[in-house]
Amino acid sequence: MVSLNQIQLKFVEQSDRLQYFDYLLLADESELVVNKYINHGDMYSVYYKQEIVGAVLFTYHSQQVVELKNIALDPKYRGRGLGKVIINEAFKIYKRKGISKVIVGTANSSIGNLAFYQKVGFRMVEIKKDFFKGYPEPIFENGIRALDMVMFEKIIIE
């Protein structure tokens, strides 16, 4: 299992974000969509044992709510527990900033993501019907067309 001391999140300035574009595309297949949010919110590069392995980006919805907009890991580092450590570290960061709730959305077809977000403490709260119909190209995962966005939330400050 991965421990916190093996993972490091480093804040990425806006001027340096494009170098992580390919990582963001691992989690969001549309360049057009990634371009809409890449310069908003907080981005962190993810290091595992001093090696860059991914990126994570959060956008603000209000002074109390932040959205996990994109979390992307190099495929060879998935399934090792890194995502769980990253999410839990992010909860700590945003709790210190006074954020009370973290939200995240994923496609109805993203079976692994649906399970992952629940395993790290998120609860389903909403379905945005036909969200992915607005994407330039249809997305298919696990033999299922991505049509709806399933929204989750995690309360981090009661």
N, C-alpha and C. Protein backbone atom coordinates (compact mmCIF):
# COMPACT_ATOMS: atom_id res chain seq x y z
N MET A 1 0.84 -1.19 0.00
CA MET A 1 0.00 0.00 0.00
C MET A 1 0.88 1.25 0.00
N VAL A 2 0.43 2.25 -0.67
CA VAL A 2 1.15 3.51 -0.78
C VAL A 2 0.94 4.32 0.49
N SER A 3 2.01 4.94 0.98
CA SER A 3 1.88 5.79 2.16
C SER A 3 1.99 7.25 1.76
N LEU A 4 1.50 8.13 2.63
CA LEU A 4 1.49 9.56 2.36
C LEU A 4 2.89 10.10 2.09
N ASN A 5 3.90 9.58 2.78
CA ASN A 5 5.26 10.11 2.57
C ASN A 5 5.83 9.75 1.21
N GLN A 6 5.18 8.87 0.45
CA GLN A 6 5.63 8.54 -0.90
C GLN A 6 4.97 9.42 -1.96
N ILE A 7 3.91 10.14 -1.57
CA ILE A 7 3.14 10.99 -2.49
C ILE A 7 3.39 12.45 -2.13
N GLN A 8 3.59 13.26 -3.15
CA GLN A 8 3.73 14.70 -2.93
C GLN A 8 2.88 15.43 -3.96
N LEU A 9 2.07 16.39 -3.47
CA LEU A 9 1.31 17.26 -4.35
C LEU A 9 2.02 18.60 -4.39
N LYS A 10 2.36 19.06 -5.60
CA LYS A 10 3.04 20.34 -5.75
C LYS A 10 2.12 21.29 -6.53
N PHE A 11 1.87 22.46 -5.96
CA PHE A 11 1.02 23.45 -6.60
C PHE A 11 1.62 23.86 -7.94
N VAL A 12 0.79 23.95 -8.97
CA VAL A 12 1.23 24.33 -10.31
C VAL A 12 0.68 25.72 -10.63
N GLU A 13 1.58 26.63 -10.94
CA GLU A 13 1.19 27.98 -11.34
C GLU A 13 0.49 27.92 -12.70
N GLN A 14 -0.38 28.90 -12.96
CA GLN A 14 -1.09 28.93 -14.24
C GLN A 14 -0.15 28.90 -15.44
N SER A 15 0.95 29.59 -15.34
CA SER A 15 1.89 29.67 -16.47
C SER A 15 2.53 28.31 -16.80
N ASP A 16 2.46 27.35 -15.88
CA ASP A 16 3.09 26.04 -16.08
C ASP A 16 2.09 24.92 -16.35
N ARG A 17 0.81 25.22 -16.43
CA ARG A 17 -0.21 24.18 -16.50
C ARG A 17 -0.23 23.38 -17.80
N LEU A 18 0.11 24.01 -18.90
CA LEU A 18 0.02 23.30 -20.18
C LEU A 18 0.93 22.08 -20.24
N GLN A 19 2.00 22.07 -19.47
CA GLN A 19 2.89 20.90 -19.49
C GLN A 19 2.23 19.66 -18.90
N TYR A 20 1.09 19.83 -18.23
CA TYR A 20 0.34 18.71 -17.64
C TYR A 20 -0.91 18.36 -18.45
N PHE A 21 -1.06 18.99 -19.61
CA PHE A 21 -2.25 18.81 -20.45
C PHE A 21 -2.49 17.34 -20.79
N ASP A 22 -1.43 16.63 -21.17
CA ASP A 22 -1.58 15.22 -21.55
C ASP A 22 -2.07 14.37 -20.39
N TYR A 23 -1.66 14.71 -19.18
CA TYR A 23 -2.19 13.98 -18.01
C TYR A 23 -3.68 14.23 -17.89
N LEU A 24 -4.10 15.49 -18.00
CA LEU A 24 -5.52 15.81 -17.86
C LEU A 24 -6.36 15.10 -18.91
N LEU A 25 -5.80 14.90 -20.09
CA LEU A 25 -6.52 14.18 -21.14
C LEU A 25 -6.72 12.70 -20.81
N LEU A 26 -5.94 12.17 -19.91
CA LEU A 26 -6.15 10.78 -19.49
C LEU A 26 -7.49 10.61 -18.77
N ALA A 27 -7.95 11.68 -18.12
CA ALA A 27 -9.20 11.61 -17.35
C ALA A 27 -10.36 12.31 -18.04
N ASP A 28 -10.07 13.15 -19.00
CA ASP A 28 -11.11 13.88 -19.73
C ASP A 28 -10.68 13.90 -21.19
N GLU A 29 -11.35 13.12 -22.02
CA GLU A 29 -10.89 12.87 -23.38
C GLU A 29 -11.01 14.05 -24.33
N SER A 30 -11.71 15.10 -23.95
CA SER A 30 -11.95 16.21 -24.86
C SER A 30 -10.97 17.36 -24.60
N GLU A 31 -10.12 17.64 -25.59
CA GLU A 31 -9.20 18.78 -25.48
C GLU A 31 -9.98 20.08 -25.31
N LEU A 32 -11.10 20.19 -26.02
CA LEU A 32 -11.94 21.38 -25.93
C LEU A 32 -12.42 21.61 -24.50
N VAL A 33 -12.86 20.55 -23.85
CA VAL A 33 -13.36 20.66 -22.48
C VAL A 33 -12.23 20.96 -21.50
N VAL A 34 -11.10 20.27 -21.63
CA VAL A 34 -9.96 20.53 -20.74
C VAL A 34 -9.51 21.98 -20.86
N ASN A 35 -9.48 22.49 -22.09
CA ASN A 35 -9.08 23.89 -22.30
C ASN A 35 -10.00 24.87 -21.59
N LYS A 36 -11.25 24.49 -21.36
CA LYS A 36 -12.20 25.37 -20.70
C LYS A 36 -11.89 25.55 -19.21
N TYR A 37 -11.26 24.54 -18.59
CA TYR A 37 -11.02 24.63 -17.13
C TYR A 37 -9.56 24.60 -16.69
N ILE A 38 -8.64 24.36 -17.59
CA ILE A 38 -7.24 24.18 -17.20
C ILE A 38 -6.67 25.38 -16.44
N ASN A 39 -7.15 26.58 -16.74
CA ASN A 39 -6.62 27.78 -16.09
C ASN A 39 -7.46 28.28 -14.93
N HIS A 40 -8.38 27.45 -14.45
CA HIS A 40 -9.22 27.83 -13.31
C HIS A 40 -8.84 27.00 -12.09
N GLY A 41 -9.06 27.56 -10.93
CA GLY A 41 -8.87 26.82 -9.68
C GLY A 41 -7.42 26.52 -9.35
N ASP A 42 -7.23 25.40 -8.65
CA ASP A 42 -5.92 24.97 -8.17
C ASP A 42 -5.51 23.68 -8.88
N MET A 43 -4.30 23.68 -9.41
CA MET A 43 -3.76 22.45 -10.00
C MET A 43 -2.55 22.02 -9.19
N TYR A 44 -2.42 20.72 -9.03
CA TYR A 44 -1.27 20.12 -8.36
C TYR A 44 -0.69 19.04 -9.25
N SER A 45 0.63 19.01 -9.34
CA SER A 45 1.28 17.87 -9.98
C SER A 45 1.43 16.80 -8.90
N VAL A 46 1.39 15.56 -9.32
CA VAL A 46 1.44 14.43 -8.39
C VAL A 46 2.77 13.72 -8.57
N TYR A 47 3.53 13.63 -7.49
CA TYR A 47 4.80 12.92 -7.50
C TYR A 47 4.70 11.69 -6.61
N TYR A 48 5.23 10.59 -7.11
CA TYR A 48 5.32 9.34 -6.36
C TYR A 48 6.79 8.95 -6.35
N LYS A 49 7.36 8.90 -5.15
CA LYS A 49 8.80 8.60 -5.00
C LYS A 49 9.63 9.52 -5.89
N GLN A 50 9.34 10.81 -5.83
CA GLN A 50 10.05 11.87 -6.56
C GLN A 50 9.89 11.80 -8.08
N GLU A 51 8.95 11.02 -8.60
CA GLU A 51 8.71 10.93 -10.04
C GLU A 51 7.31 11.47 -10.35
N ILE A 52 7.21 12.33 -11.38
CA ILE A 52 5.90 12.85 -11.77
C ILE A 52 5.06 11.71 -12.33
N VAL A 53 3.86 11.55 -11.79
CA VAL A 53 2.99 10.45 -12.22
C VAL A 53 1.58 10.92 -12.59
N GLY A 54 1.28 12.22 -12.38
CA GLY A 54 -0.06 12.68 -12.72
C GLY A 54 -0.31 14.12 -12.32
N ALA A 55 -1.58 14.48 -12.40
CA ALA A 55 -2.01 15.83 -12.05
C ALA A 55 -3.44 15.77 -11.50
N VAL A 56 -3.76 16.77 -10.69
CA VAL A 56 -5.11 16.87 -10.14
C VAL A 56 -5.49 18.35 -10.16
N LEU A 57 -6.75 18.63 -10.51
CA LEU A 57 -7.20 20.01 -10.64
C LEU A 57 -8.54 20.18 -9.92
N PHE A 58 -8.63 21.25 -9.14
CA PHE A 58 -9.84 21.59 -8.39
C PHE A 58 -10.32 22.97 -8.81
N THR A 59 -11.64 23.13 -8.98
CA THR A 59 -12.20 24.45 -9.27
C THR A 59 -13.14 24.83 -8.14
N TYR A 60 -13.25 26.13 -7.91
CA TYR A 60 -14.09 26.64 -6.82
C TYR A 60 -15.50 26.93 -7.33
N HIS A 61 -16.48 26.48 -6.56
CA HIS A 61 -17.89 26.78 -6.87
C HIS A 61 -18.40 27.90 -5.98
N SER A 62 -17.82 28.01 -4.81
CA SER A 62 -18.17 29.06 -3.86
C SER A 62 -17.03 29.11 -2.84
N GLN A 63 -17.20 29.93 -1.82
CA GLN A 63 -16.16 29.97 -0.78
C GLN A 63 -16.16 28.69 0.06
N GLN A 64 -17.21 27.91 -0.04
CA GLN A 64 -17.33 26.70 0.78
C GLN A 64 -17.25 25.39 -0.01
N VAL A 65 -17.30 25.47 -1.34
CA VAL A 65 -17.37 24.25 -2.16
C VAL A 65 -16.29 24.27 -3.24
N VAL A 66 -15.57 23.17 -3.33
CA VAL A 66 -14.57 22.99 -4.38
C VAL A 66 -14.92 21.70 -5.13
N GLU A 67 -14.67 21.73 -6.45
CA GLU A 67 -14.94 20.55 -7.28
C GLU A 67 -13.63 19.90 -7.71
N LEU A 68 -13.54 18.61 -7.52
CA LEU A 68 -12.45 17.83 -8.08
C LEU A 68 -12.78 17.70 -9.57
N LYS A 69 -12.14 18.51 -10.38
CA LYS A 69 -12.47 18.60 -11.80
C LYS A 69 -11.76 17.53 -12.61
N ASN A 70 -10.55 17.17 -12.18
CA ASN A 70 -9.77 16.20 -12.94
C ASN A 70 -8.71 15.59 -12.03
N ILE A 71 -8.65 14.27 -12.01
CA ILE A 71 -7.55 13.57 -11.36
C ILE A 71 -7.06 12.53 -12.36
N ALA A 72 -5.79 12.63 -12.70
CA ALA A 72 -5.25 11.78 -13.74
C ALA A 72 -3.90 11.22 -13.31
N LEU A 73 -3.79 9.91 -13.41
CA LEU A 73 -2.53 9.22 -13.10
C LEU A 73 -2.07 8.44 -14.32
N ASP A 74 -0.78 8.41 -14.51
CA ASP A 74 -0.18 7.56 -15.53
C ASP A 74 -0.75 6.15 -15.32
N PRO A 75 -1.24 5.49 -16.37
CA PRO A 75 -1.87 4.18 -16.21
C PRO A 75 -1.03 3.15 -15.46
N LYS A 76 0.29 3.22 -15.57
CA LYS A 76 1.11 2.21 -14.88
C LYS A 76 1.13 2.41 -13.37
N TYR A 77 0.59 3.53 -12.88
CA TYR A 77 0.54 3.78 -11.43
C TYR A 77 -0.87 3.62 -10.84
N ARG A 78 -1.81 3.24 -11.67
CA ARG A 78 -3.18 3.06 -11.19
C ARG A 78 -3.32 1.73 -10.46
N GLY A 79 -4.29 1.68 -9.56
CA GLY A 79 -4.56 0.44 -8.85
C GLY A 79 -3.60 0.16 -7.71
N ARG A 80 -2.79 1.14 -7.32
CA ARG A 80 -1.80 0.96 -6.25
C ARG A 80 -2.17 1.72 -4.98
N GLY A 81 -3.30 2.43 -5.01
CA GLY A 81 -3.70 3.20 -3.84
C GLY A 81 -3.29 4.66 -3.87
N LEU A 82 -2.63 5.08 -4.96
CA LEU A 82 -2.19 6.48 -5.06
C LEU A 82 -3.38 7.43 -5.07
N GLY A 83 -4.42 7.10 -5.82
CA GLY A 83 -5.60 7.96 -5.91
C GLY A 83 -6.22 8.22 -4.56
N LYS A 84 -6.32 7.19 -3.75
CA LYS A 84 -6.90 7.33 -2.41
C LYS A 84 -6.06 8.28 -1.56
N VAL A 85 -4.74 8.14 -1.61
CA VAL A 85 -3.85 9.02 -0.84
C VAL A 85 -3.98 10.45 -1.34
N ILE A 86 -4.03 10.63 -2.66
CA ILE A 86 -4.16 11.97 -3.25
C ILE A 86 -5.45 12.64 -2.78
N ILE A 87 -6.56 11.91 -2.86
CA ILE A 87 -7.86 12.47 -2.47
C ILE A 87 -7.86 12.82 -0.99
N ASN A 88 -7.34 11.94 -0.16
CA ASN A 88 -7.32 12.22 1.28
C ASN A 88 -6.43 13.41 1.62
N GLU A 89 -5.33 13.56 0.90
CA GLU A 89 -4.46 14.72 1.10
C GLU A 89 -5.18 16.00 0.65
N ALA A 90 -5.90 15.91 -0.45
CA ALA A 90 -6.68 17.07 -0.92
C ALA A 90 -7.75 17.46 0.10
N PHE A 91 -8.40 16.48 0.71
CA PHE A 91 -9.39 16.79 1.75
C PHE A 91 -8.74 17.62 2.86
N LYS A 92 -7.53 17.24 3.26
CA LYS A 92 -6.81 17.97 4.31
C LYS A 92 -6.48 19.40 3.87
N ILE A 93 -5.99 19.54 2.62
CA ILE A 93 -5.63 20.86 2.09
C ILE A 93 -6.85 21.78 2.12
N TYR A 94 -7.97 21.29 1.61
CA TYR A 94 -9.15 22.15 1.50
C TYR A 94 -9.86 22.35 2.84
N LYS A 95 -9.73 21.40 3.72
CA LYS A 95 -10.27 21.60 5.07
C LYS A 95 -9.52 22.73 5.76
N ARG A 96 -8.18 22.77 5.60
CA ARG A 96 -7.37 23.86 6.17
C ARG A 96 -7.75 25.21 5.57
N LYS A 97 -8.22 25.21 4.31
CA LYS A 97 -8.63 26.45 3.64
C LYS A 97 -10.07 26.85 4.01
N GLY A 98 -10.73 26.05 4.84
CA GLY A 98 -12.09 26.38 5.25
C GLY A 98 -13.18 25.89 4.31
N ILE A 99 -12.82 25.06 3.36
CA ILE A 99 -13.81 24.48 2.44
C ILE A 99 -14.59 23.41 3.19
N SER A 100 -15.92 23.42 3.04
CA SER A 100 -16.73 22.46 3.78
C SER A 100 -17.13 21.25 2.94
N LYS A 101 -17.12 21.38 1.61
CA LYS A 101 -17.59 20.29 0.77
C LYS A 101 -16.77 20.18 -0.50
N VAL A 102 -16.46 18.93 -0.88
CA VAL A 102 -15.80 18.65 -2.15
C VAL A 102 -16.81 17.89 -3.00
N ILE A 103 -16.97 18.32 -4.26
CA ILE A 103 -17.86 17.62 -5.18
C ILE A 103 -17.04 17.08 -6.34
N VAL A 104 -17.59 16.08 -7.00
CA VAL A 104 -16.95 15.49 -8.18
C VAL A 104 -18.04 14.85 -9.03
N GLY A 105 -17.83 14.89 -10.34
CA GLY A 105 -18.76 14.24 -11.25
C GLY A 105 -18.01 13.28 -12.15
N THR A 106 -18.69 12.21 -12.53
CA THR A 106 -18.11 11.25 -13.47
C THR A 106 -19.21 10.69 -14.34
N ALA A 107 -18.83 10.10 -15.43
CA ALA A 107 -19.80 9.57 -16.38
C ALA A 107 -20.47 8.31 -15.85
N ASN A 108 -21.71 8.12 -16.27
CA ASN A 108 -22.45 6.91 -15.94
C ASN A 108 -21.72 5.66 -16.41
N SER A 109 -20.88 5.80 -17.43
CA SER A 109 -20.15 4.67 -18.01
C SER A 109 -18.82 4.38 -17.32
N SER A 110 -18.40 5.26 -16.43
CA SER A 110 -17.09 5.12 -15.76
C SER A 110 -17.23 4.26 -14.51
N ILE A 111 -17.38 2.96 -14.73
CA ILE A 111 -17.66 2.02 -13.64
C ILE A 111 -16.58 2.08 -12.56
N GLY A 112 -15.32 2.12 -12.95
CA GLY A 112 -14.22 2.19 -11.97
C GLY A 112 -14.28 3.46 -11.15
N ASN A 113 -14.57 4.59 -11.79
CA ASN A 113 -14.65 5.86 -11.07
C ASN A 113 -15.83 5.87 -10.10
N LEU A 114 -16.96 5.32 -10.52
CA LEU A 114 -18.14 5.26 -9.65
C LEU A 114 -17.79 4.51 -8.35
N ALA A 115 -17.06 3.42 -8.48
CA ALA A 115 -16.65 2.65 -7.30
C ALA A 115 -15.60 3.42 -6.50
N PHE A 116 -14.59 3.97 -7.18
CA PHE A 116 -13.50 4.68 -6.51
C PHE A 116 -14.01 5.82 -5.64
N TYR A 117 -14.85 6.68 -6.19
CA TYR A 117 -15.31 7.84 -5.42
C TYR A 117 -16.09 7.42 -4.17
N GLN A 118 -16.84 6.34 -4.27
CA GLN A 118 -17.55 5.86 -3.09
C GLN A 118 -16.58 5.26 -2.06
N LYS A 119 -15.54 4.61 -2.53
CA LYS A 119 -14.54 4.02 -1.62
C LYS A 119 -13.80 5.09 -0.83
N VAL A 120 -13.64 6.30 -1.41
CA VAL A 120 -12.92 7.37 -0.70
C VAL A 120 -13.87 8.31 0.04
N GLY A 121 -15.13 7.91 0.17
CA GLY A 121 -16.05 8.63 1.05
C GLY A 121 -17.06 9.56 0.39
N PHE A 122 -17.07 9.62 -0.93
CA PHE A 122 -18.07 10.46 -1.60
C PHE A 122 -19.42 9.75 -1.61
N ARG A 123 -20.50 10.55 -1.63
CA ARG A 123 -21.86 10.02 -1.73
C ARG A 123 -22.53 10.59 -2.98
N MET A 124 -23.30 9.77 -3.67
CA MET A 124 -24.04 10.23 -4.85
C MET A 124 -25.11 11.22 -4.43
N VAL A 125 -25.22 12.33 -5.19
CA VAL A 125 -26.22 13.34 -4.83
C VAL A 125 -27.08 13.81 -6.00
N GLU A 126 -26.65 13.56 -7.24
CA GLU A 126 -27.39 14.11 -8.38
C GLU A 126 -26.97 13.40 -9.66
N ILE A 127 -27.87 13.38 -10.63
CA ILE A 127 -27.55 12.92 -11.97
C ILE A 127 -27.89 14.05 -12.93
N LYS A 128 -26.89 14.46 -13.72
CA LYS A 128 -27.10 15.49 -14.74
C LYS A 128 -27.32 14.77 -16.06
N LYS A 129 -28.59 14.62 -16.41
CA LYS A 129 -28.96 13.87 -17.61
C LYS A 129 -28.42 14.54 -18.87
N ASP A 130 -27.92 13.72 -19.77
CA ASP A 130 -27.44 14.13 -21.10
C ASP A 130 -26.24 15.08 -21.06
N PHE A 131 -25.53 15.14 -19.95
CA PHE A 131 -24.37 16.03 -19.82
C PHE A 131 -23.35 15.80 -20.94
N PHE A 132 -23.06 14.55 -21.24
CA PHE A 132 -22.00 14.23 -22.20
C PHE A 132 -22.46 14.29 -23.65
N LYS A 133 -23.74 14.53 -23.89
CA LYS A 133 -24.21 14.75 -25.25
C LYS A 133 -23.60 16.03 -25.82
N GLY A 134 -23.16 16.93 -24.94
CA GLY A 134 -22.54 18.18 -25.36
C GLY A 134 -21.09 18.06 -25.77
N TYR A 135 -20.50 16.88 -25.59
CA TYR A 135 -19.10 16.67 -25.97
C TYR A 135 -19.00 16.54 -27.49
N PRO A 136 -17.88 16.99 -28.07
CA PRO A 136 -17.73 16.97 -29.53
C PRO A 136 -17.83 15.55 -30.13
N GLU A 137 -17.33 14.56 -29.42
CA GLU A 137 -17.36 13.17 -29.89
C GLU A 137 -17.99 12.29 -28.82
N PRO A 138 -18.78 11.30 -29.22
CA PRO A 138 -19.34 10.37 -28.21
C PRO A 138 -18.22 9.63 -27.49
N ILE A 139 -18.44 9.36 -26.21
CA ILE A 139 -17.47 8.63 -25.38
C ILE A 139 -18.10 7.30 -25.00
N PHE A 140 -17.34 6.23 -25.16
CA PHE A 140 -17.78 4.90 -24.75
C PHE A 140 -16.76 4.31 -23.79
N GLU A 141 -17.25 3.77 -22.70
CA GLU A 141 -16.40 3.07 -21.72
C GLU A 141 -17.14 1.81 -21.30
N ASN A 142 -16.42 0.73 -21.15
CA ASN A 142 -17.02 -0.51 -20.68
C ASN A 142 -18.23 -0.91 -21.53
N GLY A 143 -18.20 -0.55 -22.83
CA GLY A 143 -19.31 -0.87 -23.72
C GLY A 143 -20.56 -0.03 -23.49
N ILE A 144 -20.42 1.05 -22.72
CA ILE A 144 -21.56 1.92 -22.38
C ILE A 144 -21.26 3.32 -22.88
N ARG A 145 -22.25 3.96 -23.50
CA ARG A 145 -22.06 5.35 -23.93
C ARG A 145 -22.19 6.28 -22.72
N ALA A 146 -21.25 7.17 -22.58
CA ALA A 146 -21.31 8.20 -21.53
C ALA A 146 -22.36 9.22 -21.96
N LEU A 147 -23.44 9.28 -21.21
CA LEU A 147 -24.50 10.24 -21.47
C LEU A 147 -24.73 11.15 -20.26
N ASP A 148 -24.80 10.54 -19.08
CA ASP A 148 -25.16 11.27 -17.87
C ASP A 148 -23.96 11.46 -16.95
N MET A 149 -23.95 12.59 -16.25
CA MET A 149 -22.92 12.88 -15.24
C MET A 149 -23.50 12.50 -13.88
N VAL A 150 -22.79 11.63 -13.16
CA VAL A 150 -23.19 11.28 -11.80
C VAL A 150 -22.37 12.14 -10.86
N MET A 151 -23.08 12.92 -10.03
CA MET A 151 -22.42 13.86 -9.12
C MET A 151 -22.33 13.25 -7.72
N PHE A 152 -21.18 13.48 -7.09
CA PHE A 152 -20.90 13.01 -5.73
C PHE A 152 -20.50 14.20 -4.87
N GLU A 153 -20.64 14.05 -3.57
CA GLU A 153 -20.12 15.06 -2.65
C GLU A 153 -19.53 14.38 -1.43
N LYS A 154 -18.61 15.09 -0.81
CA LYS A 154 -17.99 14.66 0.45
C LYS A 154 -17.94 15.88 1.35
N ILE A 155 -18.61 15.80 2.48
CA ILE A 155 -18.57 16.87 3.48
C ILE A 155 -17.27 16.69 4.26
N ILE A 156 -16.43 17.75 4.28
CA ILE A 156 -15.15 17.64 4.98
C ILE A 156 -15.12 18.49 6.24
N ILE A 157 -16.04 19.44 6.36
CA ILE A 157 -16.20 20.21 7.60
C ILE A 157 -17.69 20.23 7.93
N GLU A 158 -18.04 19.66 9.05
CA GLU A 158 -19.45 19.63 9.47
C GLU A 158 -19.87 20.97 10.02
